[in-house]
Amino acid sequence: MSNEKRLHILAIGGHAGDMDLTAGAVIAKYTQAGHRATFLHLTPGEKGHPRLSPEDYAKQKVEEAHRFAEIVGADVRFLAYKDAELPVNDEVKYEVADVIREVKPDIIITHWKGSIHKDHANTHYIVEDARFYAALKTIQRELPAHFAGKLYYADNWEDPYDFHPEVFVDIPEEAYEAWVKAMNVYAYARGETSGFPFIEYYKALTVVRGAPAGFKRAQAFAVPRGALTKRVQFFE
């Protein structure tokens, strides 16, 4: 990939925090190289706190998402859907398509379909159609059509079924450090909601994914059927 062109990554997750942990190190690498990135969270992921109400936790998650994005140098957007209530219909698909047309990403990252969480699986199918709708010139919307040429599926422990990582992106030290700092702004990532050690898990996963590819650390991604396994410095 040539660094001469300024690229834009759009990372679309079911909840605030999903793409941050699974693709945030790659996003930090891109922004530090002068590219742009935007997180689009379809819901805050507000119903998982054992002590806070969904309304209070939603406010906290939105604040955390903005702080994460600021640390890694990205923008952040939210749609107005609720945790565990994300529908799969044309309304939400067109909302996502409109964002795609607005920010004009070269690369989209989202969830793999084989998930234990229905919001993750629903996001996969929403993005699949939204990318198609955004690219069709015959679909008349406020903004002109845009085709996002590359699509990748993030490596998430909650989306494991039939997930086959095929692209391994090297994570340099500076990007890794920014990502680890950013992960710590999320209370759930620190283990304060479920006890699951998200930060340690995803830090360790960069070593697990990097070592076989000859990298100290990497984040791994699946791709639509037909792509080849690649060892890369940047997405191609």
C-alpha atoms as a PDB file:
ATOM      1  CA  MET A   1       0.000   0.000   0.000  1.00  0.00           C
ATOM      2  CA  SER A   2       1.305   3.421  -0.869  1.00  0.00           C
ATOM      3  CA  ASN A   3       1.381   5.924   1.975  1.00  0.00           C
ATOM      4  CA  GLU A   4       1.059   8.792  -0.520  1.00  0.00           C
ATOM      5  CA  LYS A   5      -2.713   8.534  -0.632  1.00  0.00           C
ATOM      6  CA  ARG A   6      -4.515   9.532   2.547  1.00  0.00           C
ATOM      7  CA  LEU A   7      -6.851   6.652   3.359  1.00  0.00           C
ATOM      8  CA  HIS A   8      -9.930   6.554   5.568  1.00  0.00           C
ATOM      9  CA  ILE A   9     -10.921   3.570   7.723  1.00  0.00           C
ATOM     10  CA  LEU A  10     -14.503   3.245   8.948  1.00  0.00           C
ATOM     11  CA  ALA A  11     -14.835   0.767  11.836  1.00  0.00           C
ATOM     12  CA  ILE A  12     -18.477  -0.191  12.451  1.00  0.00           C
ATOM     13  CA  GLY A  13     -19.351  -1.988  15.681  1.00  0.00           C
ATOM     14  CA  GLY A  14     -22.503  -3.118  17.427  1.00  0.00           C
ATOM     15  CA  HIS A  15     -21.403  -1.447  20.670  1.00  0.00           C
ATOM     16  CA  ALA A  16     -18.972   1.213  21.752  1.00  0.00           C
ATOM     17  CA  GLY A  17     -15.792  -0.678  22.537  1.00  0.00           C
ATOM     18  CA  ASP A  18     -16.165  -3.538  20.050  1.00  0.00           C
ATOM     19  CA  MET A  19     -14.046  -2.151  17.230  1.00  0.00           C
ATOM     20  CA  ASP A  20     -11.917  -0.155  19.666  1.00  0.00           C
ATOM     21  CA  LEU A  21     -10.413  -3.286  21.190  1.00  0.00           C
ATOM     22  CA  THR A  22     -10.398  -5.523  18.123  1.00  0.00           C
ATOM     23  CA  ALA A  23      -9.089  -3.044  15.531  1.00  0.00           C
ATOM     24  CA  GLY A  24      -7.921  -0.081  17.587  1.00  0.00           C
ATOM     25  CA  ALA A  25      -4.217  -0.866  17.344  1.00  0.00           C
ATOM     26  CA  VAL A  26      -4.390  -0.956  13.547  1.00  0.00           C
ATOM     27  CA  ILE A  27      -6.388   2.272  13.566  1.00  0.00           C
ATOM     28  CA  ALA A  28      -3.748   3.914  15.762  1.00  0.00           C
ATOM     29  CA  LYS A  29      -1.098   2.735  13.292  1.00  0.00           C
ATOM     30  CA  TYR A  30      -3.000   4.288  10.399  1.00  0.00           C
ATOM     31  CA  THR A  31      -3.695   7.623  12.079  1.00  0.00           C
ATOM     32  CA  GLN A  32      -0.066   7.890  13.190  1.00  0.00           C
ATOM     33  CA  ALA A  33       0.905   7.386   9.533  1.00  0.00           C
ATOM     34  CA  GLY A  34      -1.297  10.320   8.519  1.00  0.00           C
ATOM     35  CA  HIS A  35      -4.477   8.495   7.522  1.00  0.00           C
ATOM     36  CA  ARG A  36      -7.996   9.071   8.858  1.00  0.00           C
ATOM     37  CA  ALA A  37     -10.282   6.796  10.872  1.00  0.00           C
ATOM     38  CA  THR A  38     -13.854   6.932  12.115  1.00  0.00           C
ATOM     39  CA  PHE A  39     -15.619   4.681  14.611  1.00  0.00           C
ATOM     40  CA  LEU A  40     -19.339   4.183  14.023  1.00  0.00           C
ATOM     41  CA  HIS A  41     -21.038   2.589  17.033  1.00  0.00           C
ATOM     42  CA  LEU A  42     -24.574   1.402  16.304  1.00  0.00           C
ATOM     43  CA  THR A  43     -25.419   1.271  20.041  1.00  0.00           C
ATOM     44  CA  PRO A  44     -23.540   2.369  23.171  1.00  0.00           C
ATOM     45  CA  GLY A  45     -23.650  -1.168  24.597  1.00  0.00           C
ATOM     46  CA  GLU A  46     -25.291   0.219  27.709  1.00  0.00           C
ATOM     47  CA  LYS A  47     -27.093  -2.727  29.296  1.00  0.00           C
ATOM     48  CA  GLY A  48     -24.177  -4.652  30.723  1.00  0.00           C
ATOM     49  CA  HIS A  49     -23.327  -2.713  33.873  1.00  0.00           C
ATOM     50  CA  PRO A  50     -24.245  -4.427  37.163  1.00  0.00           C
ATOM     51  CA  ARG A  51     -24.772  -1.157  39.072  1.00  0.00           C
ATOM     52  CA  LEU A  52     -25.550   1.648  36.617  1.00  0.00           C
ATOM     53  CA  SER A  53     -28.872   2.083  34.827  1.00  0.00           C
ATOM     54  CA  PRO A  54     -28.763   1.707  31.047  1.00  0.00           C
ATOM     55  CA  GLU A  55     -29.336   5.458  30.724  1.00  0.00           C
ATOM     56  CA  ASP A  56     -26.405   6.324  32.996  1.00  0.00           C
ATOM     57  CA  TYR A  57     -24.135   3.710  31.505  1.00  0.00           C
ATOM     58  CA  ALA A  58     -24.994   4.899  27.981  1.00  0.00           C
ATOM     59  CA  LYS A  59     -23.742   8.373  28.885  1.00  0.00           C
ATOM     60  CA  GLN A  60     -20.570   6.856  30.321  1.00  0.00           C
ATOM     61  CA  LYS A  61     -19.981   4.659  27.282  1.00  0.00           C
ATOM     62  CA  VAL A  62     -20.398   7.610  24.907  1.00  0.00           C
ATOM     63  CA  GLU A  63     -17.850   9.592  26.919  1.00  0.00           C
ATOM     64  CA  GLU A  64     -15.467   6.622  26.967  1.00  0.00           C
ATOM     65  CA  ALA A  65     -15.828   6.164  23.199  1.00  0.00           C
ATOM     66  CA  HIS A  66     -14.930   9.792  22.562  1.00  0.00           C
ATOM     67  CA  ARG A  67     -11.911   9.564  24.849  1.00  0.00           C
ATOM     68  CA  PHE A  68     -10.738   6.364  23.151  1.00  0.00           C
ATOM     69  CA  ALA A  69     -11.083   7.939  19.713  1.00  0.00           C
ATOM     70  CA  GLU A  70      -9.224  11.050  20.823  1.00  0.00           C
ATOM     71  CA  ILE A  71      -6.268   8.997  22.092  1.00  0.00           C
ATOM     72  CA  VAL A  72      -5.911   7.007  18.870  1.00  0.00           C
ATOM     73  CA  GLY A  73      -6.603  10.021  16.667  1.00  0.00           C
ATOM     74  CA  ALA A  74      -9.959   8.974  15.228  1.00  0.00           C
ATOM     75  CA  ASP A  75     -13.446  10.438  14.893  1.00  0.00           C
ATOM     76  CA  VAL A  76     -16.491   8.782  16.453  1.00  0.00           C
ATOM     77  CA  ARG A  77     -20.182   8.554  15.557  1.00  0.00           C
ATOM     78  CA  PHE A  78     -23.208   6.900  17.148  1.00  0.00           C
ATOM     79  CA  LEU A  79     -26.540   5.757  15.798  1.00  0.00           C
ATOM     80  CA  ALA A  80     -29.552   5.948  18.101  1.00  0.00           C
ATOM     81  CA  TYR A  81     -30.167   2.239  18.717  1.00  0.00           C
ATOM     82  CA  LYS A  82     -30.249   0.417  22.043  1.00  0.00           C
ATOM     83  CA  ASP A  83     -28.063  -2.411  23.272  1.00  0.00           C
ATOM     84  CA  ALA A  84     -29.562  -5.851  22.530  1.00  0.00           C
ATOM     85  CA  GLU A  85     -32.301  -4.194  20.408  1.00  0.00           C
ATOM     86  CA  LEU A  86     -30.401  -3.554  17.188  1.00  0.00           C
ATOM     87  CA  PRO A  87     -32.700  -4.443  14.277  1.00  0.00           C
ATOM     88  CA  VAL A  88     -31.761  -5.717  10.856  1.00  0.00           C
ATOM     89  CA  ASN A  89     -33.931  -3.659   8.519  1.00  0.00           C
ATOM     90  CA  ASP A  90     -33.594  -1.195   5.673  1.00  0.00           C
ATOM     91  CA  GLU A  91     -33.902   1.800   7.979  1.00  0.00           C
ATOM     92  CA  VAL A  92     -30.689   1.054   9.835  1.00  0.00           C
ATOM     93  CA  LYS A  93     -28.978  -0.172   6.666  1.00  0.00           C
ATOM     94  CA  TYR A  94     -29.679   3.144   4.944  1.00  0.00           C
ATOM     95  CA  GLU A  95     -28.488   5.071   8.002  1.00  0.00           C
ATOM     96  CA  VAL A  96     -25.174   3.231   7.812  1.00  0.00           C
ATOM     97  CA  ALA A  97     -25.079   3.644   4.024  1.00  0.00           C
ATOM     98  CA  ASP A  98     -25.526   7.390   4.478  1.00  0.00           C
ATOM     99  CA  VAL A  99     -22.524   7.495   6.822  1.00  0.00           C
ATOM    100  CA  ILE A 100     -20.491   5.531   4.281  1.00  0.00           C
ATOM    101  CA  ARG A 101     -21.439   8.035   1.583  1.00  0.00           C
ATOM    102  CA  GLU A 102     -20.570  10.931   3.878  1.00  0.00           C
ATOM    103  CA  VAL A 103     -17.161   9.852   5.194  1.00  0.00           C
ATOM    104  CA  LYS A 104     -16.142   7.982   1.996  1.00  0.00           C
ATOM    105  CA  PRO A 105     -14.014   5.235   3.565  1.00  0.00           C
ATOM    106  CA  ASP A 106     -11.506   3.239   1.568  1.00  0.00           C
ATOM    107  CA  ILE A 107     -11.635   0.451   4.164  1.00  0.00           C
ATOM    108  CA  ILE A 108     -14.488  -0.824   6.347  1.00  0.00           C
ATOM    109  CA  ILE A 109     -13.915  -3.018   9.395  1.00  0.00           C
ATOM    110  CA  THR A 110     -16.831  -4.699  11.133  1.00  0.00           C
ATOM    111  CA  HIS A 111     -17.969  -7.861  12.919  1.00  0.00           C
ATOM    112  CA  TRP A 112     -17.776 -11.387  11.654  1.00  0.00           C
ATOM    113  CA  LYS A 113     -21.196 -13.084  11.377  1.00  0.00           C
ATOM    114  CA  GLY A 114     -20.520 -16.084  13.623  1.00  0.00           C
ATOM    115  CA  SER A 115     -21.139 -14.455  16.985  1.00  0.00           C
ATOM    116  CA  ILE A 116     -22.548 -15.307  20.389  1.00  0.00           C
ATOM    117  CA  HIS A 117     -23.995 -11.768  20.508  1.00  0.00           C
ATOM    118  CA  LYS A 118     -26.917 -10.956  18.241  1.00  0.00           C
ATOM    119  CA  ASP A 119     -25.960  -7.268  17.980  1.00  0.00           C
ATOM    120  CA  HIS A 120     -22.604  -8.330  16.537  1.00  0.00           C
ATOM    121  CA  ALA A 121     -24.170 -10.716  14.026  1.00  0.00           C
ATOM    122  CA  ASN A 122     -26.823  -8.148  13.123  1.00  0.00           C
ATOM    123  CA  THR A 123     -24.128  -5.523  12.562  1.00  0.00           C
ATOM    124  CA  HIS A 124     -22.378  -7.869  10.133  1.00  0.00           C
ATOM    125  CA  TYR A 125     -25.489  -8.176   7.983  1.00  0.00           C
ATOM    126  CA  ILE A 126     -26.355  -4.479   8.292  1.00  0.00           C
ATOM    127  CA  VAL A 127     -22.909  -3.486   7.054  1.00  0.00           C
ATOM    128  CA  GLU A 128     -22.980  -6.041   4.249  1.00  0.00           C
ATOM    129  CA  ASP A 129     -26.086  -4.450   2.739  1.00  0.00           C
ATOM    130  CA  ALA A 130     -25.211  -0.867   3.706  1.00  0.00           C
ATOM    131  CA  ARG A 131     -21.921  -1.102   1.797  1.00  0.00           C
ATOM    132  CA  PHE A 132     -23.877  -2.370  -1.219  1.00  0.00           C
ATOM    133  CA  TYR A 133     -26.539   0.355  -0.918  1.00  0.00           C
ATOM    134  CA  ALA A 134     -23.909   3.080  -0.504  1.00  0.00           C
ATOM    135  CA  ALA A 135     -22.221   2.023  -3.741  1.00  0.00           C
ATOM    136  CA  LEU A 136     -25.328   1.894  -5.932  1.00  0.00           C
ATOM    137  CA  LYS A 137     -25.703   5.075  -7.964  1.00  0.00           C
ATOM    138  CA  THR A 138     -29.303   4.148  -8.722  1.00  0.00           C
ATOM    139  CA  ILE A 139     -30.207   4.446  -5.014  1.00  0.00           C
ATOM    140  CA  GLN A 140     -31.038   8.113  -4.592  1.00  0.00           C
ATOM    141  CA  ARG A 141     -30.064   9.547  -1.220  1.00  0.00           C
ATOM    142  CA  GLU A 142     -28.943  12.969  -0.045  1.00  0.00           C
ATOM    143  CA  LEU A 143     -25.302  12.221  -0.897  1.00  0.00           C
ATOM    144  CA  PRO A 144     -23.787  10.607  -4.009  1.00  0.00           C
ATOM    145  CA  ALA A 145     -22.783   6.955  -4.131  1.00  0.00           C
ATOM    146  CA  HIS A 146     -19.493   5.746  -2.702  1.00  0.00           C
ATOM    147  CA  PHE A 147     -17.909   2.310  -2.940  1.00  0.00           C
ATOM    148  CA  ALA A 148     -15.727   1.250  -0.014  1.00  0.00           C
ATOM    149  CA  GLY A 149     -13.302  -1.063  -1.757  1.00  0.00           C
ATOM    150  CA  LYS A 150     -11.985  -3.106   1.152  1.00  0.00           C
ATOM    151  CA  LEU A 151     -13.928  -4.982   3.846  1.00  0.00           C
ATOM    152  CA  TYR A 152     -12.387  -6.731   6.855  1.00  0.00           C
ATOM    153  CA  TYR A 153     -13.837  -8.614   9.824  1.00  0.00           C
ATOM    154  CA  ALA A 154     -12.256  -8.026  13.218  1.00  0.00           C
ATOM    155  CA  ASP A 155     -10.888 -10.742  15.511  1.00  0.00           C
ATOM    156  CA  ASN A 156     -13.317 -10.783  18.459  1.00  0.00           C
ATOM    157  CA  TRP A 157     -13.565 -13.555  21.048  1.00  0.00           C
ATOM    158  CA  GLU A 158     -17.359 -13.124  20.944  1.00  0.00           C
ATOM    159  CA  ASP A 159     -17.447 -13.688  17.163  1.00  0.00           C
ATOM    160  CA  PRO A 160     -15.520 -16.981  16.891  1.00  0.00           C
ATOM    161  CA  TYR A 161     -17.669 -19.348  14.876  1.00  0.00           C
ATOM    162  CA  ASP A 162     -16.021 -20.161  11.524  1.00  0.00           C
ATOM    163  CA  PHE A 163     -13.793 -17.102  11.874  1.00  0.00           C
ATOM    164  CA  HIS A 164     -10.622 -17.673   9.856  1.00  0.00           C
ATOM    165  CA  PRO A 165      -8.040 -14.878  10.170  1.00  0.00           C
ATOM    166  CA  GLU A 166      -6.345 -14.340   6.832  1.00  0.00           C
ATOM    167  CA  VAL A 167      -4.784 -10.870   7.085  1.00  0.00           C
ATOM    168  CA  PHE A 168      -2.255 -10.088   9.819  1.00  0.00           C
ATOM    169  CA  VAL A 169      -1.301  -6.432  10.273  1.00  0.00           C
ATOM    170  CA  ASP A 170       1.947  -5.614  12.053  1.00  0.00           C
ATOM    171  CA  ILE A 171       1.538  -3.361  15.108  1.00  0.00           C
ATOM    172  CA  PRO A 172       4.477  -1.043  15.848  1.00  0.00           C
ATOM    173  CA  GLU A 173       5.324   0.002  19.397  1.00  0.00           C
ATOM    174  CA  GLU A 174       3.969   3.546  19.230  1.00  0.00           C
ATOM    175  CA  ALA A 175       0.579   2.395  17.934  1.00  0.00           C
ATOM    176  CA  TYR A 176       0.471  -0.419  20.494  1.00  0.00           C
ATOM    177  CA  GLU A 177       1.127   1.973  23.376  1.00  0.00           C
ATOM    178  CA  ALA A 178      -1.567   4.419  22.227  1.00  0.00           C
ATOM    179  CA  TRP A 179      -4.078   1.578  21.883  1.00  0.00           C
ATOM    180  CA  VAL A 180      -3.340   0.152  25.345  1.00  0.00           C
ATOM    181  CA  LYS A 181      -3.709   3.612  26.865  1.00  0.00           C
ATOM    182  CA  ALA A 182      -6.989   4.084  25.018  1.00  0.00           C
ATOM    183  CA  MET A 183      -8.408   0.691  26.042  1.00  0.00           C
ATOM    184  CA  ASN A 184      -8.025   1.666  29.667  1.00  0.00           C
ATOM    185  CA  VAL A 185     -10.648   4.412  29.359  1.00  0.00           C
ATOM    186  CA  TYR A 186     -13.397   1.782  29.050  1.00  0.00           C
ATOM    187  CA  ALA A 187     -14.668   0.519  32.408  1.00  0.00           C
ATOM    188  CA  TYR A 188     -15.831  -2.732  30.834  1.00  0.00           C
ATOM    189  CA  ALA A 189     -12.398  -3.288  29.301  1.00  0.00           C
ATOM    190  CA  ARG A 190     -10.826  -2.874  32.740  1.00  0.00           C
ATOM    191  CA  GLY A 191     -13.043  -5.740  33.945  1.00  0.00           C
ATOM    192  CA  GLU A 192     -15.386  -3.589  36.031  1.00  0.00           C
ATOM    193  CA  THR A 193     -18.661  -4.882  34.568  1.00  0.00           C
ATOM    194  CA  SER A 194     -18.203  -8.604  33.965  1.00  0.00           C
ATOM    195  CA  GLY A 195     -14.798  -9.460  35.387  1.00  0.00           C
ATOM    196  CA  PHE A 196     -13.553 -10.587  31.970  1.00  0.00           C
ATOM    197  CA  PRO A 197      -9.973  -9.292  31.451  1.00  0.00           C
ATOM    198  CA  PHE A 198     -10.577  -7.653  28.072  1.00  0.00           C
ATOM    199  CA  ILE A 199      -7.434  -5.539  28.016  1.00  0.00           C
ATOM    200  CA  GLU A 200      -5.120  -8.407  28.931  1.00  0.00           C
ATOM    201  CA  TYR A 201      -6.909 -10.726  26.506  1.00  0.00           C
ATOM    202  CA  TYR A 202      -6.545  -8.417  23.530  1.00  0.00           C
ATOM    203  CA  LYS A 203      -2.973  -7.480  24.411  1.00  0.00           C
ATOM    204  CA  ALA A 204      -2.110 -11.200  24.519  1.00  0.00           C
ATOM    205  CA  LEU A 205      -3.989 -11.823  21.285  1.00  0.00           C
ATOM    206  CA  THR A 206      -1.669  -9.423  19.432  1.00  0.00           C
ATOM    207  CA  VAL A 207       1.239 -11.703  20.378  1.00  0.00           C
ATOM    208  CA  VAL A 208      -0.696 -14.860  19.451  1.00  0.00           C
ATOM    209  CA  ARG A 209      -1.635 -13.435  16.036  1.00  0.00           C
ATOM    210  CA  GLY A 210       1.742 -11.824  15.418  1.00  0.00           C
ATOM    211  CA  ALA A 211       4.123 -14.657  16.246  1.00  0.00           C
ATOM    212  CA  PRO A 212       3.152 -17.080  13.432  1.00  0.00           C
ATOM    213  CA  ALA A 213       3.391 -14.191  10.934  1.00  0.00           C
ATOM    214  CA  GLY A 214       6.847 -13.189  12.142  1.00  0.00           C
ATOM    215  CA  PHE A 215       5.649 -10.019  13.859  1.00  0.00           C
ATOM    216  CA  LYS A 216       6.137  -9.069  17.499  1.00  0.00           C
ATOM    217  CA  ARG A 217       2.468  -8.064  17.564  1.00  0.00           C
ATOM    218  CA  ALA A 218      -0.359  -8.077  15.031  1.00  0.00           C
ATOM    219  CA  GLN A 219      -4.100  -7.726  14.781  1.00  0.00           C
ATOM    220  CA  ALA A 220      -5.807 -10.279  12.580  1.00  0.00           C
ATOM    221  CA  PHE A 221      -8.774  -9.982  10.245  1.00  0.00           C
ATOM    222  CA  ALA A 222     -10.948 -12.240   8.168  1.00  0.00           C
ATOM    223  CA  VAL A 223     -11.910 -11.186   4.671  1.00  0.00           C
ATOM    224  CA  PRO A 224     -14.783 -11.899   2.296  1.00  0.00           C
ATOM    225  CA  ARG A 225     -14.481 -15.236   0.554  1.00  0.00           C
ATOM    226  CA  GLY A 226     -11.867 -15.378  -2.175  1.00  0.00           C
ATOM    227  CA  ALA A 227      -9.069 -13.332  -0.587  1.00  0.00           C
ATOM    228  CA  LEU A 228      -5.649 -14.802   0.174  1.00  0.00           C
ATOM    229  CA  THR A 229      -3.738 -15.029   3.430  1.00  0.00           C
ATOM    230  CA  LYS A 230      -1.341 -12.102   3.589  1.00  0.00           C
ATOM    231  CA  ARG A 231       1.426 -10.881   5.868  1.00  0.00           C
ATOM    232  CA  VAL A 232       1.206  -7.103   5.638  1.00  0.00           C
ATOM    233  CA  GLN A 233       2.375  -3.844   7.144  1.00  0.00           C
ATOM    234  CA  PHE A 234      -0.846  -2.080   6.094  1.00  0.00           C
ATOM    235  CA  PHE A 235      -4.117  -3.243   4.587  1.00  0.00           C
ATOM    236  CA  GLU A 236      -3.771  -3.574   0.838  1.00  0.00           C
END
